[in-house]
Amino acid sequence: MPSHTPEPAADKDGFDLVIRHADVATAADRFTCDIGVRDGVITALARRLPEGRQEIDAAGRLVLPGGVDAHCHLDQPMPDGMRMADDFVTGTRSAACGGTTTVIPFAAQAKSESLAAAVSDYHHRAEGKAAIDYAFHLIVSDPTPAVLEQELPRLIAQGYTSFKIYMTYDDLKLNDRQILEVLDVARQHRALVMVHAENADCIGWLTDRLTAAGHTAPRYHAMSRPSAVEREATHRAITFAELVDVPILIVHVSGREAIEQIRWAHGQGLRIYAETCPQYLYLTADDLGLDDHGYHGAKCVCSPPPRDAQNRDVVWNAIADGLFSVFSSDHAPFRYDDPHGKKLHGQEQPFQYIPNGIPGLETRLPLLFSGGVMSGLIDVHRFVALTATEPAKLYGLYPRKGTIAVGADADLVLWDTERRVTIRNRDLHHAVDYTPYEGTEVQGWPVLTIAAGKVVCDNGQFVGEPGAGRFLPCGTPAAFVQPPRRG
């Protein structure tokens, strides 16, 4: 951005919205300007823009691109009586109030069913409900010849260019050969595979030993999924990607041992991307309970589980040194006091039957902004890269999403960097009855969220419209157009 910005050309149709005195930060630049918006798109970045039909004074506020949460679960079909608390109405409302303007949840294939059917069902669940824009990842759980040879190539061509595979969970996991076959399809058709890396057989063996000894409290969830389980699966997934010669992304990396595997892969020049989440920066295994009494630790049951404080520091440092490309919420919303949630069937459950996942759409950005930017660990450009620009690039939505530039969608968030907020679930906008971050104080909060040129959240009040969000077909992931990493 030049220091002197020329006078803007006269715009005969005028602006729908002009944001004045914006202190803009992107992944690369920081500059002050007015932002002109027409038809939901940024059409001018300049000083002294003509008057718009709506005016917002951003003086004293930091203006960032709207967040892109590239890993969240909304209204996903669940087995065994479980039900997610958030649908596309409440989930996107909560996202918007946390400064996120694009979400990418998952159209999940059930065993013996087609991917196309899952996509069709998921569109039905989203249409008329989402308040902000959205795309879909796929979850591939049954890679039959028809899926591999026909459905996946067709869906990739239609804009579903990323899919998640699991190395754990009986109803979702793929065996090693199936993983290789899915990766090969991704290589041929240029799609990005997201890998949940945990060794299912090791987890099953440890779980059997723990339960046989009577250890069923929530805290044993962490003991059934130690770091070694994640480390082994991470290395195996990297090996598969090397064999097939395809980039992959390891999701929700929780600690040192998996990080070491990813660093090793980078040293070999392999195209391995990595994501982490707020729970690995703010929670530890202690949050699942310090003894066998009580059930509140169920609120923090997620996989991989939070580790210890030392691992938490390692994840923070990997945020700072650039190991991670994406920072997502992995929002998996189950209510605590609910027979379809953490107290499944109306009872406290042994750890292996507690629905996995924690809420986090609305708190994702403030937690990283406070702990990362306000602490001085990362600068605001790295924050924008992790939470908006890189996920938009990796999943084929850039430059429409993830930046502030002429031609980009007018997804903008005004931040009050001085505001201190104590996170309380009563103030959040999801449909979950708790937040694992209750009582956590953060500095820096999104006070105004604009999606496609419309204000959707104003100082904590949701003012958007369910159904205003649009489905976004995704282009080719950046992993296929960027040069390989060098060690």
Protein backbone atom coordinates (compact mmCIF):
# COMPACT_ATOMS: atom_id res chain seq x y z
CA MET A 1 0.00 0.00 0.00
CA PRO A 2 1.64 3.30 -1.01
CA SER A 3 2.00 6.01 1.62
CA HIS A 4 0.13 8.44 -0.60
CA THR A 5 -3.15 7.16 -1.93
CA PRO A 6 -4.52 8.95 -5.02
CA GLU A 7 -7.95 10.52 -4.96
CA PRO A 8 -10.59 7.95 -5.90
CA ALA A 9 -12.37 8.22 -9.21
CA ALA A 10 -15.95 9.47 -9.05
CA ASP A 11 -18.41 6.61 -8.69
CA LYS A 12 -21.65 7.45 -10.47
CA ASP A 13 -23.61 4.76 -8.61
CA GLY A 14 -22.16 5.60 -5.19
CA PHE A 15 -21.32 3.27 -2.36
CA ASP A 16 -23.78 1.23 -0.34
CA LEU A 17 -21.42 1.50 2.61
CA VAL A 18 -18.32 3.52 3.45
CA ILE A 19 -16.20 2.68 6.48
CA ARG A 20 -14.21 5.75 7.49
CA HIS A 21 -10.75 6.00 9.07
CA ALA A 22 -10.15 2.26 8.98
CA ASP A 23 -6.88 1.02 10.47
CA VAL A 24 -6.68 -1.98 8.14
CA ALA A 25 -4.45 -4.99 8.74
CA THR A 26 -4.15 -7.90 6.33
CA ALA A 27 -1.77 -10.85 6.33
CA ALA A 28 0.84 -8.64 4.66
CA ASP A 29 0.07 -4.92 5.13
CA ARG A 30 -1.26 -2.30 7.50
CA PHE A 31 -2.63 1.02 6.28
CA THR A 32 -5.29 3.63 6.99
CA CYS A 33 -8.02 4.33 4.48
CA ASP A 34 -11.76 4.50 3.85
CA ILE A 35 -13.37 1.30 2.56
CA GLY A 36 -16.04 1.61 -0.11
CA VAL A 37 -18.53 -1.22 -0.55
CA ARG A 38 -21.08 -1.83 -3.27
CA ASP A 39 -23.22 -4.94 -3.81
CA GLY A 40 -21.43 -6.72 -0.98
CA VAL A 41 -17.99 -6.30 -2.53
CA ILE A 42 -15.10 -3.97 -1.66
CA THR A 43 -14.85 -1.56 -4.58
CA ALA A 44 -12.51 1.11 -3.22
CA LEU A 45 -9.71 1.54 -0.69
CA ALA A 46 -8.78 5.18 -0.58
CA ARG A 47 -8.84 8.34 1.48
CA ARG A 48 -11.75 10.78 1.41
CA LEU A 49 -14.17 8.54 -0.43
CA PRO A 50 -17.50 10.10 -1.46
CA GLU A 51 -20.40 9.68 0.94
CA GLY A 52 -22.06 6.29 1.02
CA ARG A 53 -25.69 5.44 1.70
CA GLN A 54 -24.49 4.00 5.02
CA GLU A 55 -21.48 5.31 6.92
CA ILE A 56 -19.49 3.69 9.72
CA ASP A 57 -16.74 5.51 11.57
CA ALA A 58 -13.98 3.03 12.44
CA ALA A 59 -11.72 5.56 14.15
CA GLY A 60 -9.91 3.91 17.03
CA ARG A 61 -10.76 0.42 15.80
CA LEU A 62 -8.60 -2.15 14.07
CA VAL A 63 -10.25 -3.47 10.88
CA LEU A 64 -9.44 -7.06 9.93
CA PRO A 65 -10.78 -9.47 7.32
CA GLY A 66 -13.69 -11.58 8.52
CA GLY A 67 -12.51 -14.87 9.96
CA VAL A 68 -12.69 -18.11 8.01
CA ASP A 69 -13.34 -21.06 10.32
CA ALA A 70 -12.28 -24.01 8.19
CA HIS A 71 -13.07 -26.74 10.69
CA CYS A 72 -16.43 -26.76 12.44
CA HIS A 73 -19.32 -29.18 12.75
CA LEU A 74 -22.91 -27.94 12.42
CA ASP A 75 -26.07 -30.05 12.36
CA GLN A 76 -24.04 -33.09 11.37
CA PRO A 77 -26.02 -36.36 11.48
CA MET A 78 -25.01 -38.32 14.59
CA PRO A 79 -25.39 -41.97 15.66
CA ASP A 80 -26.72 -43.52 18.87
CA GLY A 81 -29.08 -40.78 20.00
CA MET A 82 -26.49 -38.00 19.92
CA ARG A 83 -27.51 -34.62 18.49
CA MET A 84 -25.45 -31.51 17.86
CA ALA A 85 -26.77 -28.43 19.62
CA ASP A 86 -26.04 -26.00 16.79
CA ASP A 87 -27.68 -25.98 13.41
CA PHE A 88 -26.85 -23.46 10.68
CA VAL A 89 -29.01 -20.78 12.36
CA THR A 90 -27.37 -20.83 15.78
CA GLY A 91 -23.93 -21.88 14.57
CA THR A 92 -23.52 -19.11 12.02
CA ARG A 93 -25.07 -16.58 14.44
CA SER A 94 -22.43 -17.49 17.00
CA ALA A 95 -19.66 -17.40 14.40
CA ALA A 96 -20.68 -13.93 13.24
CA CYS A 97 -20.68 -12.57 16.79
CA GLY A 98 -17.16 -13.90 17.20
CA GLY A 99 -15.86 -12.17 14.07
CA THR A 100 -16.09 -15.11 11.67
CA THR A 101 -17.82 -14.50 8.33
CA THR A 102 -17.22 -17.81 6.53
CA VAL A 103 -17.54 -21.35 7.88
CA ILE A 104 -16.65 -24.67 6.31
CA PRO A 105 -18.46 -27.54 8.06
CA PHE A 106 -18.66 -31.15 6.89
CA ALA A 107 -21.01 -33.14 4.68
CA ALA A 108 -20.44 -36.55 6.22
CA GLN A 109 -20.86 -39.82 4.33
CA ALA A 110 -22.34 -42.66 6.38
CA LYS A 111 -21.12 -46.20 5.82
CA SER A 112 -22.89 -47.84 2.85
CA GLU A 113 -24.31 -44.52 1.70
CA SER A 114 -23.22 -42.30 -1.14
CA LEU A 115 -21.29 -39.06 -0.85
CA ALA A 116 -23.71 -37.34 -3.18
CA ALA A 117 -26.58 -38.17 -0.83
CA ALA A 118 -24.65 -36.69 2.09
CA VAL A 119 -24.01 -33.49 0.14
CA SER A 120 -27.65 -33.20 -0.89
CA ASP A 121 -28.82 -33.71 2.69
CA TYR A 122 -26.34 -31.14 4.01
CA HIS A 123 -27.49 -28.50 1.53
CA HIS A 124 -31.00 -29.08 2.78
CA ARG A 125 -29.83 -28.52 6.36
CA ALA A 126 -28.07 -25.24 5.47
CA GLU A 127 -30.39 -23.58 3.00
CA GLY A 128 -32.40 -20.71 4.39
CA LYS A 129 -30.60 -20.88 7.73
CA ALA A 130 -26.99 -19.71 7.41
CA ALA A 131 -26.46 -16.05 8.27
CA ILE A 132 -22.94 -15.97 6.78
CA ASP A 133 -21.35 -17.61 3.76
CA TYR A 134 -20.36 -21.26 3.88
CA ALA A 135 -18.66 -24.02 1.93
CA PHE A 136 -18.54 -27.76 2.56
CA HIS A 137 -15.77 -30.22 3.21
CA LEU A 138 -16.65 -33.87 2.62
CA ILE A 139 -16.08 -36.68 5.12
CA VAL A 140 -15.21 -39.93 3.33
CA SER A 141 -16.02 -42.95 5.47
CA ASP A 142 -16.77 -45.59 2.84
CA PRO A 143 -14.49 -45.28 -0.20
CA THR A 144 -16.15 -47.81 -2.47
CA PRO A 145 -15.07 -48.08 -6.12
CA ALA A 146 -18.09 -45.97 -7.08
CA VAL A 147 -17.07 -43.27 -4.61
CA LEU A 148 -13.43 -43.25 -5.68
CA GLU A 149 -13.97 -43.47 -9.44
CA GLN A 150 -17.17 -41.48 -9.92
CA GLU A 151 -18.53 -39.55 -6.95
CA LEU A 152 -15.37 -37.94 -5.62
CA PRO A 153 -14.08 -36.73 -9.01
CA ARG A 154 -17.52 -35.33 -9.85
CA LEU A 155 -17.92 -33.58 -6.50
CA ILE A 156 -14.40 -32.11 -6.65
CA ALA A 157 -15.24 -30.65 -10.07
CA GLN A 158 -18.40 -29.14 -8.56
CA GLY A 159 -16.47 -27.24 -5.87
CA TYR A 160 -16.12 -29.69 -2.98
CA THR A 161 -12.33 -29.67 -3.14
CA SER A 162 -11.41 -30.87 0.34
CA PHE A 163 -12.32 -33.90 2.37
CA LYS A 164 -11.57 -35.29 5.78
CA ILE A 165 -10.62 -38.84 6.62
CA TYR A 166 -10.35 -40.47 10.01
CA MET A 167 -7.80 -42.94 11.35
CA THR A 168 -9.99 -43.53 14.42
CA TYR A 169 -13.71 -43.89 15.39
CA ASP A 170 -15.28 -47.19 14.33
CA ASP A 171 -18.02 -45.58 12.23
CA LEU A 172 -15.62 -43.34 10.32
CA LYS A 173 -12.10 -44.79 10.20
CA LEU A 174 -10.38 -45.98 7.03
CA ASN A 175 -7.75 -48.69 6.89
CA ASP A 176 -4.30 -47.97 5.49
CA ARG A 177 -5.06 -49.16 1.97
CA GLN A 178 -8.27 -47.13 1.85
CA ILE A 179 -6.35 -44.03 2.94
CA LEU A 180 -3.84 -44.55 0.14
CA GLU A 181 -6.66 -44.93 -2.39
CA VAL A 182 -8.35 -41.71 -1.21
CA LEU A 183 -5.05 -39.82 -1.32
CA ASP A 184 -4.49 -41.02 -4.87
CA VAL A 185 -7.85 -39.60 -5.96
CA ALA A 186 -6.95 -36.32 -4.27
CA ARG A 187 -3.65 -36.20 -6.15
CA GLN A 188 -5.26 -36.91 -9.50
CA HIS A 189 -8.05 -34.36 -9.09
CA ARG A 190 -6.23 -31.76 -6.96
CA ALA A 191 -8.18 -31.90 -3.70
CA LEU A 192 -6.86 -31.38 -0.17
CA VAL A 193 -7.22 -34.23 2.32
CA MET A 194 -7.57 -33.38 6.02
CA VAL A 195 -6.44 -36.19 8.33
CA HIS A 196 -7.62 -36.93 11.87
CA ALA A 197 -4.49 -38.72 13.03
CA GLU A 198 -4.92 -41.11 15.97
CA ASN A 199 -4.25 -44.86 16.03
CA ALA A 200 -7.61 -46.60 16.49
CA ASP A 201 -6.29 -50.01 17.58
CA CYS A 202 -4.03 -48.50 20.24
CA ILE A 203 -6.97 -46.46 21.57
CA GLY A 204 -9.17 -49.54 21.63
CA TRP A 205 -6.57 -51.59 23.49
CA LEU A 206 -5.93 -48.88 26.07
CA THR A 207 -9.65 -48.28 26.53
CA ASP A 208 -10.28 -51.96 27.23
CA ARG A 209 -7.52 -52.03 29.85
CA LEU A 210 -8.76 -48.86 31.56
CA THR A 211 -12.39 -49.93 31.72
CA ALA A 212 -11.47 -53.43 32.89
CA ALA A 213 -9.75 -51.77 35.84
CA GLY A 214 -12.86 -49.71 36.56
CA HIS A 215 -11.40 -46.46 35.26
CA THR A 216 -14.34 -44.85 33.48
CA ALA A 217 -14.34 -41.20 34.67
CA PRO A 218 -13.97 -38.46 32.01
CA ARG A 219 -10.27 -37.92 32.81
CA TYR A 220 -9.42 -41.39 31.50
CA HIS A 221 -10.35 -40.20 28.03
CA ALA A 222 -6.95 -38.46 27.92
CA MET A 223 -5.18 -41.59 29.15
CA SER A 224 -6.77 -43.68 26.41
CA ARG A 225 -5.42 -41.31 23.76
CA PRO A 226 -1.84 -40.41 24.82
CA SER A 227 0.51 -38.40 22.63
CA ALA A 228 2.15 -41.54 21.26
CA VAL A 229 -1.16 -42.53 19.66
CA GLU A 230 -1.29 -39.23 17.81
CA ARG A 231 2.44 -39.29 16.99
CA GLU A 232 2.28 -42.72 15.35
CA ALA A 233 -0.74 -41.87 13.25
CA THR A 234 0.71 -38.51 12.24
CA HIS A 235 3.89 -40.18 11.02
CA ARG A 236 1.88 -42.84 9.17
CA ALA A 237 -0.27 -40.21 7.45
CA ILE A 238 2.87 -38.31 6.44
CA THR A 239 4.36 -41.52 5.06
CA PHE A 240 1.23 -42.18 3.01
CA ALA A 241 1.33 -38.64 1.61
CA GLU A 242 4.98 -39.14 0.69
CA LEU A 243 4.22 -42.43 -1.07
CA VAL A 244 1.38 -40.92 -3.08
CA ASP A 245 3.15 -37.57 -3.54
CA VAL A 246 0.20 -35.46 -2.46
CA PRO A 247 -0.16 -32.61 0.07
CA ILE A 248 -2.25 -33.26 3.17
CA LEU A 249 -3.31 -31.27 6.22
CA ILE A 250 -3.09 -32.74 9.72
CA VAL A 251 -6.01 -31.35 11.71
CA HIS A 252 -6.22 -30.41 15.40
CA VAL A 253 -2.57 -31.04 16.30
CA SER A 254 -2.40 -31.21 20.10
CA GLY A 255 1.22 -31.27 21.23
CA ARG A 256 4.95 -31.77 20.93
CA GLU A 257 5.15 -35.30 19.56
CA ALA A 258 2.89 -34.69 16.54
CA ILE A 259 4.59 -31.34 15.95
CA GLU A 260 7.98 -33.07 15.81
CA GLN A 261 6.68 -35.38 13.09
CA ILE A 262 5.45 -32.42 11.06
CA ARG A 263 8.78 -30.61 11.47
CA TRP A 264 10.53 -33.76 10.25
CA ALA A 265 8.27 -33.83 7.19
CA HIS A 266 9.01 -30.19 6.44
CA GLY A 267 12.69 -31.01 6.69
CA GLN A 268 12.18 -33.59 3.97
CA GLY A 269 10.46 -31.04 1.74
CA LEU A 270 7.08 -32.76 2.05
CA ARG A 271 3.92 -30.70 1.61
CA ILE A 272 2.39 -31.30 5.03
CA TYR A 273 0.12 -28.57 6.39
CA ALA A 274 -1.04 -28.38 9.98
CA GLU A 275 -3.93 -26.98 11.99
CA THR A 276 -4.39 -26.42 15.69
CA CYS A 277 -7.29 -25.17 17.81
CA PRO A 278 -7.98 -23.07 20.93
CA GLN A 279 -8.38 -26.08 23.22
CA TYR A 280 -4.69 -26.93 22.79
CA LEU A 281 -3.70 -23.40 23.79
CA TYR A 282 -6.01 -22.88 26.76
CA LEU A 283 -6.95 -26.29 28.20
CA THR A 284 -4.96 -29.14 29.70
CA ALA A 285 -5.76 -32.72 30.68
CA ASP A 286 -6.52 -31.41 34.17
CA ASP A 287 -9.69 -29.85 32.74
CA LEU A 288 -11.04 -33.38 32.24
CA GLY A 289 -10.89 -33.88 36.01
CA LEU A 290 -8.26 -34.35 38.69
CA ASP A 291 -9.88 -37.41 40.26
CA ASP A 292 -12.67 -39.91 39.62
CA HIS A 293 -15.36 -37.80 41.29
CA GLY A 294 -17.73 -35.60 39.33
CA TYR A 295 -18.61 -35.46 35.68
CA HIS A 296 -17.84 -31.87 34.67
CA GLY A 297 -14.68 -33.04 32.92
CA ALA A 298 -17.01 -34.37 30.21
CA LYS A 299 -17.35 -30.77 29.02
CA CYS A 300 -13.74 -30.87 27.81
CA VAL A 301 -13.75 -34.34 26.22
CA CYS A 302 -12.49 -33.95 22.67
CA SER A 303 -10.06 -35.83 20.46
CA PRO A 304 -7.14 -35.59 20.51
CA PRO A 305 -7.47 -34.56 24.17
CA PRO A 306 -5.77 -31.51 25.66
CA ARG A 307 -2.28 -32.38 26.92
CA ASP A 308 -0.21 -30.95 29.77
CA ALA A 309 1.06 -27.40 30.26
CA GLN A 310 4.40 -28.17 28.59
CA ASN A 311 2.66 -29.38 25.45
CA ARG A 312 0.47 -26.29 25.52
CA ASP A 313 3.59 -24.12 25.44
CA VAL A 314 4.98 -26.12 22.52
CA VAL A 315 1.78 -25.48 20.54
CA TRP A 316 1.98 -21.74 21.29
CA ASN A 317 5.57 -21.69 20.09
CA ALA A 318 4.61 -23.53 16.90
CA ILE A 319 1.94 -20.89 16.33
CA ALA A 320 4.66 -18.25 16.57
CA ASP A 321 7.29 -19.93 14.42
CA GLY A 322 5.02 -20.63 11.46
CA LEU A 323 4.55 -24.39 11.70
CA PHE A 324 0.77 -24.05 11.56
CA SER A 325 -1.10 -22.82 8.52
CA VAL A 326 -4.61 -22.82 9.97
CA PHE A 327 -6.21 -22.03 13.31
CA SER A 328 -9.72 -23.48 13.53
CA SER A 329 -12.31 -24.01 16.25
CA ASP A 330 -13.20 -27.67 15.59
CA HIS A 331 -16.54 -26.55 16.99
CA ALA A 332 -18.40 -29.77 17.86
CA PRO A 333 -21.39 -28.60 19.89
CA PHE A 334 -22.94 -31.01 22.38
CA ARG A 335 -24.91 -29.71 25.33
CA TYR A 336 -23.73 -30.87 28.76
CA ASP A 337 -27.01 -31.42 30.57
CA ASP A 338 -28.84 -33.08 27.71
CA PRO A 339 -29.83 -36.69 26.92
CA HIS A 340 -28.59 -36.10 23.35
CA GLY A 341 -25.35 -34.52 24.54
CA LYS A 342 -22.68 -35.22 27.13
CA LYS A 343 -25.20 -37.00 29.39
CA LEU A 344 -26.24 -39.31 26.59
CA HIS A 345 -29.53 -41.12 27.22
CA GLY A 346 -29.93 -39.05 30.38
CA GLN A 347 -26.97 -40.62 32.17
CA GLU A 348 -23.36 -39.89 32.98
CA GLN A 349 -21.41 -42.05 30.56
CA PRO A 350 -18.12 -43.96 30.77
CA PHE A 351 -15.46 -41.85 29.05
CA GLN A 352 -15.46 -43.86 25.82
CA TYR A 353 -19.16 -43.10 25.24
CA ILE A 354 -19.10 -39.37 26.00
CA PRO A 355 -19.82 -37.45 22.77
CA ASN A 356 -16.53 -36.02 21.57
CA GLY A 357 -16.17 -32.33 20.97
CA ILE A 358 -16.38 -28.87 22.51
CA PRO A 359 -17.90 -25.57 21.36
CA GLY A 360 -15.67 -22.74 20.17
CA LEU A 361 -16.90 -20.90 17.08
CA GLU A 362 -17.46 -17.60 18.87
CA THR A 363 -14.39 -17.65 21.11
CA ARG A 364 -11.81 -18.83 18.51
CA LEU A 365 -10.68 -15.40 17.38
CA PRO A 366 -10.67 -13.54 20.72
CA LEU A 367 -8.69 -16.32 22.40
CA LEU A 368 -5.92 -16.25 19.78
CA PHE A 369 -5.97 -12.46 19.51
CA SER A 370 -5.59 -12.05 23.25
CA GLY A 371 -3.07 -14.82 23.89
CA GLY A 372 -1.15 -14.28 20.66
CA VAL A 373 -1.32 -10.67 19.48
CA MET A 374 -1.88 -8.83 22.76
CA SER A 375 0.84 -10.86 24.48
CA GLY A 376 3.28 -9.99 21.71
CA LEU A 377 3.85 -13.63 20.70
CA ILE A 378 2.61 -13.03 17.14
CA ASP A 379 1.85 -9.89 15.20
CA VAL A 380 -1.54 -9.00 13.79
CA HIS A 381 -0.50 -10.10 10.29
CA ARG A 382 0.22 -13.63 11.50
CA PHE A 383 -3.13 -13.60 13.29
CA VAL A 384 -4.92 -12.67 10.07
CA ALA A 385 -2.97 -15.29 8.12
CA LEU A 386 -3.87 -18.09 10.53
CA THR A 387 -7.52 -17.22 10.98
CA ALA A 388 -8.56 -15.91 7.56
CA THR A 389 -6.05 -15.71 4.70
CA GLU A 390 -4.39 -19.12 4.85
CA PRO A 391 -7.61 -21.11 5.36
CA ALA A 392 -9.14 -19.20 2.42
CA LYS A 393 -6.14 -20.07 0.28
CA LEU A 394 -5.84 -23.68 1.36
CA TYR A 395 -9.49 -24.37 0.64
CA GLY A 396 -9.81 -22.48 -2.62
CA LEU A 397 -11.74 -19.39 -1.46
CA TYR A 398 -9.01 -16.76 -1.85
CA PRO A 399 -9.03 -13.84 -2.75
CA ARG A 400 -12.82 -13.64 -2.51
CA LYS A 401 -12.41 -14.48 1.19
CA GLY A 402 -9.62 -13.97 3.70
CA THR A 403 -8.35 -10.49 2.84
CA ILE A 404 -9.26 -6.82 2.46
CA ALA A 405 -8.77 -5.87 -1.18
CA VAL A 406 -10.69 -4.38 -4.06
CA GLY A 407 -12.81 -7.19 -5.50
CA ALA A 408 -12.97 -9.21 -2.28
CA ASP A 409 -16.25 -9.79 -0.48
CA ALA A 410 -16.89 -7.06 2.08
CA ASP A 411 -16.36 -9.33 5.09
CA LEU A 412 -14.90 -7.00 7.68
CA VAL A 413 -14.52 -6.99 11.44
CA LEU A 414 -13.90 -3.99 13.67
CA TRP A 415 -11.87 -4.87 16.76
CA ASP A 416 -11.63 -2.98 20.03
CA THR A 417 -8.11 -3.93 21.07
CA GLU A 418 -8.48 -2.36 24.51
CA ARG A 419 -11.68 -4.08 25.54
CA ARG A 420 -11.29 -6.68 28.26
CA VAL A 421 -13.94 -9.37 28.28
CA THR A 422 -14.49 -12.19 30.73
CA ILE A 423 -15.95 -15.03 28.68
CA ARG A 424 -19.35 -16.12 30.01
CA ASN A 425 -21.56 -18.64 28.29
CA ARG A 426 -24.60 -16.46 28.97
CA ASP A 427 -23.11 -13.85 26.61
CA LEU A 428 -22.41 -16.24 23.72
CA HIS A 429 -24.80 -16.92 20.87
CA HIS A 430 -24.51 -20.67 20.31
CA ALA A 431 -27.08 -23.19 21.55
CA VAL A 432 -24.68 -25.03 23.86
CA ASP A 433 -25.23 -24.78 27.62
CA TYR A 434 -21.58 -24.21 28.50
CA THR A 435 -18.24 -22.95 27.24
CA PRO A 436 -14.97 -24.60 28.28
CA TYR A 437 -13.51 -21.09 28.57
CA GLU A 438 -15.95 -19.84 31.23
CA GLY A 439 -14.25 -17.13 33.30
CA THR A 440 -11.29 -16.68 30.95
CA GLU A 441 -10.41 -13.00 30.54
CA VAL A 442 -9.28 -11.83 27.12
CA GLN A 443 -8.15 -8.47 25.78
CA GLY A 444 -9.41 -7.54 22.32
CA TRP A 445 -12.90 -8.25 21.08
CA PRO A 446 -14.73 -8.01 17.73
CA VAL A 447 -17.28 -5.24 18.22
CA LEU A 448 -18.76 -5.03 14.72
CA THR A 449 -18.98 -7.79 12.12
CA ILE A 450 -19.88 -7.09 8.50
CA ALA A 451 -20.64 -9.96 6.11
CA ALA A 452 -21.04 -9.24 2.39
CA GLY A 453 -21.45 -5.55 3.18
CA LYS A 454 -24.16 -5.99 5.81
CA VAL A 455 -23.74 -5.57 9.57
CA VAL A 456 -24.50 -8.93 11.18
CA CYS A 457 -23.31 -8.30 14.73
CA ASP A 458 -23.16 -4.93 16.49
CA ASN A 459 -21.54 -4.79 19.92
CA GLY A 460 -22.66 -8.26 20.91
CA GLN A 461 -26.12 -8.04 19.37
CA PHE A 462 -26.81 -10.33 16.42
CA VAL A 463 -28.56 -8.30 13.72
CA GLY A 464 -28.06 -10.61 10.74
CA GLU A 465 -30.63 -12.66 8.88
CA PRO A 466 -30.82 -16.45 8.74
CA GLY A 467 -30.69 -17.40 5.08
CA ALA A 468 -28.51 -14.47 4.02
CA GLY A 469 -25.44 -16.69 3.79
CA ARG A 470 -24.48 -18.13 0.41
CA PHE A 471 -23.00 -21.49 -0.50
CA LEU A 472 -19.50 -21.10 -1.95
CA PRO A 473 -18.10 -23.69 -4.39
CA CYS A 474 -14.36 -23.94 -3.71
CA GLY A 475 -11.57 -23.69 -6.23
CA THR A 476 -8.29 -25.54 -6.35
CA PRO A 477 -6.56 -25.60 -2.95
CA ALA A 478 -3.42 -23.47 -2.77
CA ALA A 479 -1.40 -26.54 -1.83
CA PHE A 480 -1.54 -27.50 -5.52
CA VAL A 481 -0.46 -24.13 -6.85
CA GLN A 482 2.24 -23.24 -4.31
CA PRO A 483 5.80 -24.59 -4.60
CA PRO A 484 6.70 -27.44 -2.22
CA ARG A 485 8.17 -26.55 1.16
CA ARG A 486 11.93 -26.59 1.49
CA GLY A 487 13.68 -27.98 4.52
